[in-house]
Amino acid sequence: MRHMAYVPGVALLAALVVGCSAGADSNANGADSKAGSPTVTPAPPGKYLTLPAPCRAVPRSTLKDLLPGAAELPGDQQDKVFRGSAAVTYDTDRKVGCSWKADGPNATRSLSIDFERVVSYDPAVSDDDRADTVYAKKEKAAGLSSATPGPPDEKGEAGEKSGTAKDPADGDADATDSAGPSPSGSSGESTGGAPGSGSPEEALPSRILDNLGDAAFLKDLPKKAGSTAQHHTVSVVFRTSNVVVTVRYAEQPALVTQVPDGKELQEKAQALARKLAETLSE
């Protein structure tokens, strides 16, 4: 009889344990399967997972055209010029660059290209959208205002997160294009006067470019006012998917009386930028 007296108590205890476990599972499952719970879909990754080798990105034939002084050098010196100088970077999957320079009898020509692969650290923001923000900041720094603002900046730029060193020749559009901006309308034409009727800035305005990547602009930097040097730099920046590319092409005449052909510099810089965009798309 004493054994039978304990049975109800044991049964009750077992029932309580089972009931509590079932209730806990029910609550957990209920929380996970609530009707109307939002489902977060990660933003798609960018098209590009790697970057090209920058010092091999420009064909030798193109370099000969852009750096005419190199053609007059002995063979070994030509090879050294055409090899270029790679930019210092700690993450070649995120940012790479290369520069070339050749001294000719009449002028010195220099060329540099930079590739930046942008990665978003926000799952709700795609790599392309983040790259568009990076590009838009460069466009704004160049004094062109037609860019559509991208998503809010994340804490820390992509370059800072990737641990890349800032190249001395890079400077971004913020530094390279620090001269006073040329006004631009929505069509990309200068609003500062009729082309050819005034200063080089009016004849060769900075402007938005069409049919180059997903977005592009050109920044023309003639010599600074008051400077005796006739140094002239043209920058072309474009974005294709999650990669932002910058091309800089410059001429420094041997004599201060010589004036660089800004139109030629612009045409050749744009032609190279289009070749690079085609290469990336292959």
Protein backbone atom coordinates (compact mmCIF):
# COMPACT_ATOMS: atom_id res chain seq x y z
CA MET A 1 0.00 0.00 0.00
CA ARG A 2 2.86 2.40 0.70
CA HIS A 3 4.13 1.95 -2.88
CA MET A 4 0.74 2.73 -4.33
CA ALA A 5 0.57 5.97 -2.32
CA TYR A 6 3.53 7.36 -4.24
CA VAL A 7 2.26 6.61 -7.74
CA PRO A 8 -0.09 9.61 -8.05
CA GLY A 9 2.71 11.97 -7.01
CA VAL A 10 5.14 10.56 -9.55
CA ALA A 11 2.57 10.71 -12.32
CA LEU A 12 1.73 14.32 -11.46
CA LEU A 13 5.40 15.33 -11.49
CA ALA A 14 5.94 13.68 -14.88
CA ALA A 15 2.88 15.40 -16.28
CA LEU A 16 4.15 18.80 -15.11
CA VAL A 17 7.58 18.27 -16.67
CA VAL A 18 6.07 17.20 -19.98
CA GLY A 19 3.65 20.13 -19.93
CA CYS A 20 6.39 22.72 -19.30
CA SER A 21 8.57 21.31 -22.07
CA ALA A 22 5.73 21.35 -24.52
CA GLY A 23 4.86 24.93 -23.56
CA ALA A 24 8.43 26.10 -24.06
CA ASP A 25 8.65 24.44 -27.47
CA SER A 26 5.30 25.88 -28.42
CA ASN A 27 6.41 29.42 -27.51
CA ALA A 28 9.67 29.06 -29.38
CA ASN A 29 7.97 27.71 -32.47
CA GLY A 30 5.30 30.33 -32.22
CA ALA A 31 7.83 33.15 -32.14
CA ASP A 32 9.56 31.80 -35.23
CA SER A 33 6.42 31.18 -37.20
CA LYS A 34 4.42 34.29 -36.38
CA ALA A 35 2.32 35.36 -39.30
CA GLY A 36 3.69 38.49 -40.99
CA SER A 37 7.28 38.20 -39.66
CA PRO A 38 9.59 40.15 -42.01
CA THR A 39 12.01 38.13 -44.14
CA VAL A 40 15.35 39.85 -44.77
CA THR A 41 16.76 39.09 -48.21
CA PRO A 42 20.47 39.98 -48.51
CA ALA A 43 21.29 42.44 -51.28
CA PRO A 44 22.94 40.85 -54.34
CA PRO A 45 26.75 40.92 -54.55
CA GLY A 46 28.56 42.96 -57.16
CA LYS A 47 29.49 41.59 -60.57
CA TYR A 48 33.23 41.77 -59.98
CA LEU A 49 35.02 39.64 -57.39
CA THR A 50 38.56 40.49 -58.53
CA LEU A 51 40.42 43.28 -60.33
CA PRO A 52 42.66 43.18 -63.41
CA ALA A 53 46.44 43.50 -63.18
CA PRO A 54 46.68 47.30 -63.63
CA CYS A 55 50.13 47.49 -65.22
CA ARG A 56 48.99 45.02 -67.90
CA ALA A 57 45.58 46.60 -68.40
CA VAL A 58 46.80 49.05 -71.08
CA PRO A 59 48.14 47.49 -74.32
CA ARG A 60 51.67 48.46 -75.32
CA SER A 61 50.39 49.93 -78.60
CA THR A 62 48.11 52.25 -76.63
CA LEU A 63 50.93 53.26 -74.30
CA LYS A 64 53.09 54.15 -77.32
CA ASP A 65 50.35 56.49 -78.49
CA LEU A 66 49.78 58.04 -75.06
CA LEU A 67 53.50 58.35 -74.24
CA PRO A 68 55.14 59.40 -77.54
CA GLY A 69 58.43 60.22 -75.84
CA ALA A 70 58.96 56.57 -74.96
CA ALA A 71 59.28 55.59 -78.62
CA GLU A 72 62.54 57.55 -78.83
CA LEU A 73 64.17 55.69 -75.94
CA PRO A 74 66.54 52.70 -76.26
CA GLY A 75 64.86 49.29 -76.06
CA ASP A 76 65.63 48.56 -72.40
CA GLN A 77 64.46 52.01 -71.31
CA GLN A 78 61.30 51.63 -73.37
CA ASP A 79 60.54 48.36 -71.62
CA LYS A 80 61.00 50.01 -68.23
CA VAL A 81 58.60 52.83 -69.13
CA PHE A 82 55.97 50.50 -70.55
CA ARG A 83 56.11 48.19 -67.51
CA GLY A 84 54.76 51.04 -65.42
CA SER A 85 54.92 51.50 -61.67
CA ALA A 86 52.32 49.68 -59.56
CA ALA A 87 50.58 51.67 -56.83
CA VAL A 88 51.21 50.57 -53.25
CA THR A 89 48.23 48.61 -51.93
CA TYR A 90 47.66 45.98 -49.27
CA ASP A 91 44.64 44.32 -50.86
CA THR A 92 44.85 43.76 -54.60
CA ASP A 93 41.31 42.37 -54.63
CA ARG A 94 39.99 45.75 -53.53
CA LYS A 95 42.21 48.48 -54.99
CA VAL A 96 45.01 48.52 -57.56
CA GLY A 97 46.67 51.10 -59.75
CA CYS A 98 49.56 51.75 -62.12
CA SER A 99 51.31 54.82 -63.53
CA TRP A 100 53.54 55.56 -66.51
CA LYS A 101 55.67 58.57 -67.44
CA ALA A 102 57.81 59.43 -70.46
CA ASP A 103 59.94 62.49 -71.16
CA GLY A 104 59.94 63.63 -74.77
CA PRO A 105 61.86 66.42 -76.49
CA ASN A 106 58.83 68.71 -76.42
CA ALA A 107 56.86 67.56 -73.39
CA THR A 108 56.47 65.04 -70.60
CA ARG A 109 53.37 62.86 -70.68
CA SER A 110 52.10 60.91 -67.68
CA LEU A 111 49.30 58.41 -67.28
CA SER A 112 47.78 56.67 -64.28
CA ILE A 113 44.85 54.30 -63.83
CA ASP A 114 43.16 53.16 -60.63
CA PHE A 115 40.63 50.38 -60.08
CA GLU A 116 38.56 50.20 -56.89
CA ARG A 117 36.27 47.25 -56.20
CA VAL A 118 33.62 48.35 -53.74
CA VAL A 119 32.09 45.91 -51.26
CA SER A 120 29.10 46.75 -49.09
CA TYR A 121 29.20 45.63 -45.47
CA ASP A 122 25.48 46.29 -45.06
CA PRO A 123 23.38 43.26 -46.12
CA ALA A 124 20.56 45.61 -47.04
CA VAL A 125 22.77 47.62 -49.44
CA SER A 126 24.13 46.01 -52.60
CA ASP A 127 27.74 46.36 -53.73
CA ASP A 128 26.51 48.26 -56.79
CA ASP A 129 24.60 50.78 -54.68
CA ARG A 130 27.59 51.26 -52.41
CA ALA A 131 29.83 51.78 -55.47
CA ASP A 132 27.35 54.33 -56.78
CA THR A 133 27.75 56.26 -53.52
CA VAL A 134 31.54 56.19 -53.85
CA TYR A 135 31.29 57.38 -57.46
CA ALA A 136 28.76 60.11 -56.61
CA LYS A 137 31.14 61.59 -54.03
CA LYS A 138 33.88 61.82 -56.67
CA GLU A 139 31.47 63.44 -59.10
CA LYS A 140 30.40 65.97 -56.50
CA ALA A 141 34.04 66.74 -55.63
CA ALA A 142 34.65 67.43 -59.33
CA GLY A 143 31.99 70.14 -59.23
CA LEU A 144 29.38 68.21 -61.20
CA SER A 145 26.00 67.99 -59.53
CA SER A 146 23.89 65.68 -61.69
CA ALA A 147 24.65 62.56 -59.65
CA THR A 148 21.79 60.95 -57.79
CA PRO A 149 22.70 60.43 -54.12
CA GLY A 150 23.24 56.79 -53.25
CA PRO A 151 22.42 55.02 -49.97
CA PRO A 152 23.66 56.53 -46.70
CA ASP A 153 27.36 56.09 -46.00
CA GLU A 154 28.36 53.22 -43.79
CA LYS A 155 30.75 53.81 -40.95
CA GLY A 156 34.13 53.76 -42.66
CA GLU A 157 34.92 53.85 -46.36
CA ALA A 158 35.53 50.69 -48.35
CA GLY A 159 39.18 51.58 -48.81
CA GLU A 160 39.68 52.05 -45.09
CA LYS A 161 38.05 48.71 -44.32
CA SER A 162 40.12 46.90 -46.89
CA GLY A 163 43.34 48.17 -45.36
CA THR A 164 44.66 49.69 -48.58
CA ALA A 165 47.27 52.41 -48.47
CA LYS A 166 46.35 55.69 -50.09
CA ASP A 167 48.48 56.08 -53.16
CA PRO A 168 50.34 59.40 -53.40
CA ALA A 169 49.33 59.71 -57.03
CA ASP A 170 45.77 58.69 -56.34
CA GLY A 171 44.40 61.62 -54.38
CA ASP A 172 40.91 60.74 -55.55
CA ALA A 173 38.75 63.27 -57.31
CA ASP A 174 38.86 65.24 -54.06
CA ALA A 175 42.53 66.08 -54.47
CA THR A 176 43.12 65.76 -58.22
CA ASP A 177 40.09 67.85 -59.03
CA SER A 178 40.60 70.46 -56.34
CA ALA A 179 40.72 73.32 -58.79
CA GLY A 180 37.62 75.47 -59.16
CA PRO A 181 34.86 73.46 -60.81
CA SER A 182 33.47 74.28 -64.19
CA PRO A 183 29.68 74.68 -64.13
CA SER A 184 27.71 71.96 -65.83
CA GLY A 185 24.10 71.65 -66.86
CA SER A 186 22.06 68.48 -66.84
CA SER A 187 23.03 67.82 -70.45
CA GLY A 188 26.71 67.87 -69.58
CA GLU A 189 27.39 71.06 -71.54
CA SER A 190 29.22 73.99 -70.00
CA THR A 191 27.08 76.91 -68.91
CA GLY A 192 30.06 79.24 -68.65
CA GLY A 193 30.12 80.43 -72.26
CA ALA A 194 30.18 79.25 -75.82
CA PRO A 195 32.88 76.65 -76.55
CA GLY A 196 35.90 78.16 -78.26
CA SER A 197 34.90 81.72 -77.41
CA GLY A 198 36.80 82.17 -74.15
CA SER A 199 39.17 80.45 -71.75
CA PRO A 200 40.21 76.79 -72.06
CA GLU A 201 37.80 75.99 -69.24
CA GLU A 202 34.92 77.15 -71.46
CA ALA A 203 36.22 75.46 -74.57
CA LEU A 204 36.94 72.17 -72.78
CA PRO A 205 34.47 71.97 -69.90
CA SER A 206 34.30 69.33 -67.23
CA ARG A 207 31.15 67.34 -67.87
CA ILE A 208 29.09 64.19 -67.44
CA LEU A 209 29.89 61.55 -70.05
CA ASP A 210 27.36 59.32 -71.78
CA ASN A 211 27.73 55.69 -72.84
CA LEU A 212 30.64 54.91 -70.54
CA GLY A 213 29.97 52.29 -67.88
CA ASP A 214 26.98 52.89 -65.61
CA ALA A 215 28.01 56.50 -64.92
CA ALA A 216 30.98 58.65 -65.88
CA PHE A 217 32.39 62.16 -65.86
CA LEU A 218 35.39 64.06 -67.20
CA LYS A 219 37.30 66.68 -65.25
CA ASP A 220 39.54 69.04 -67.22
CA LEU A 221 42.26 70.87 -65.29
CA PRO A 222 44.15 73.43 -67.36
CA LYS A 223 47.03 75.28 -65.72
CA LYS A 224 46.26 77.19 -62.56
CA ALA A 225 45.75 80.94 -62.84
CA GLY A 226 48.99 82.83 -62.26
CA SER A 227 51.16 79.78 -62.85
CA THR A 228 53.90 79.93 -65.48
CA ALA A 229 53.85 76.15 -65.93
CA GLN A 230 51.49 74.90 -68.65
CA HIS A 231 50.74 71.58 -66.93
CA HIS A 232 47.37 70.22 -68.06
CA THR A 233 45.57 67.21 -66.56
CA VAL A 234 42.44 65.38 -67.66
CA SER A 235 40.66 62.89 -65.39
CA VAL A 236 37.98 60.44 -66.49
CA VAL A 237 36.12 58.56 -63.76
CA PHE A 238 33.52 55.89 -64.42
CA ARG A 239 31.63 53.18 -62.59
CA THR A 240 30.68 49.78 -63.92
CA SER A 241 28.75 47.63 -61.46
CA ASN A 242 30.78 47.61 -58.21
CA VAL A 243 34.07 48.84 -59.71
CA VAL A 244 35.08 52.51 -59.94
CA VAL A 245 37.86 53.35 -62.42
CA THR A 246 39.90 56.56 -62.64
CA VAL A 247 42.08 57.52 -65.61
CA ARG A 248 44.42 60.51 -65.36
CA TYR A 249 46.34 61.80 -68.35
CA ALA A 250 48.61 64.83 -68.23
CA GLU A 251 51.12 66.82 -70.26
CA GLN A 252 53.89 69.14 -69.12
CA PRO A 253 55.48 71.04 -72.06
CA ALA A 254 59.23 71.52 -72.03
CA LEU A 255 58.80 75.26 -72.61
CA VAL A 256 56.43 77.59 -70.77
CA THR A 257 55.52 79.15 -74.11
CA GLN A 258 54.03 75.86 -75.28
CA VAL A 259 50.40 75.13 -74.45
CA PRO A 260 49.16 71.51 -74.21
CA ASP A 261 46.42 70.42 -76.56
CA GLY A 262 43.59 69.92 -74.06
CA LYS A 263 41.26 68.49 -76.70
CA GLU A 264 43.77 65.77 -77.58
CA LEU A 265 44.29 64.92 -73.91
CA GLN A 266 40.53 64.62 -73.38
CA GLU A 267 39.98 62.45 -76.45
CA LYS A 268 42.78 60.04 -75.58
CA ALA A 269 41.78 59.80 -71.92
CA GLN A 270 38.19 59.00 -72.91
CA ALA A 271 39.31 56.45 -75.51
CA LEU A 272 41.40 54.63 -72.89
CA ALA A 273 38.55 54.71 -70.37
CA ARG A 274 36.23 53.09 -72.91
CA LYS A 275 38.78 50.37 -73.64
CA LEU A 276 39.10 49.64 -69.93
CA ALA A 277 35.30 49.49 -69.57
CA GLU A 278 35.11 47.02 -72.46
CA THR A 279 37.85 44.90 -70.92
CA LEU A 280 36.04 44.76 -67.59
CA SER A 281 32.83 43.69 -69.32
CA GLU A 282 34.45 40.76 -71.12
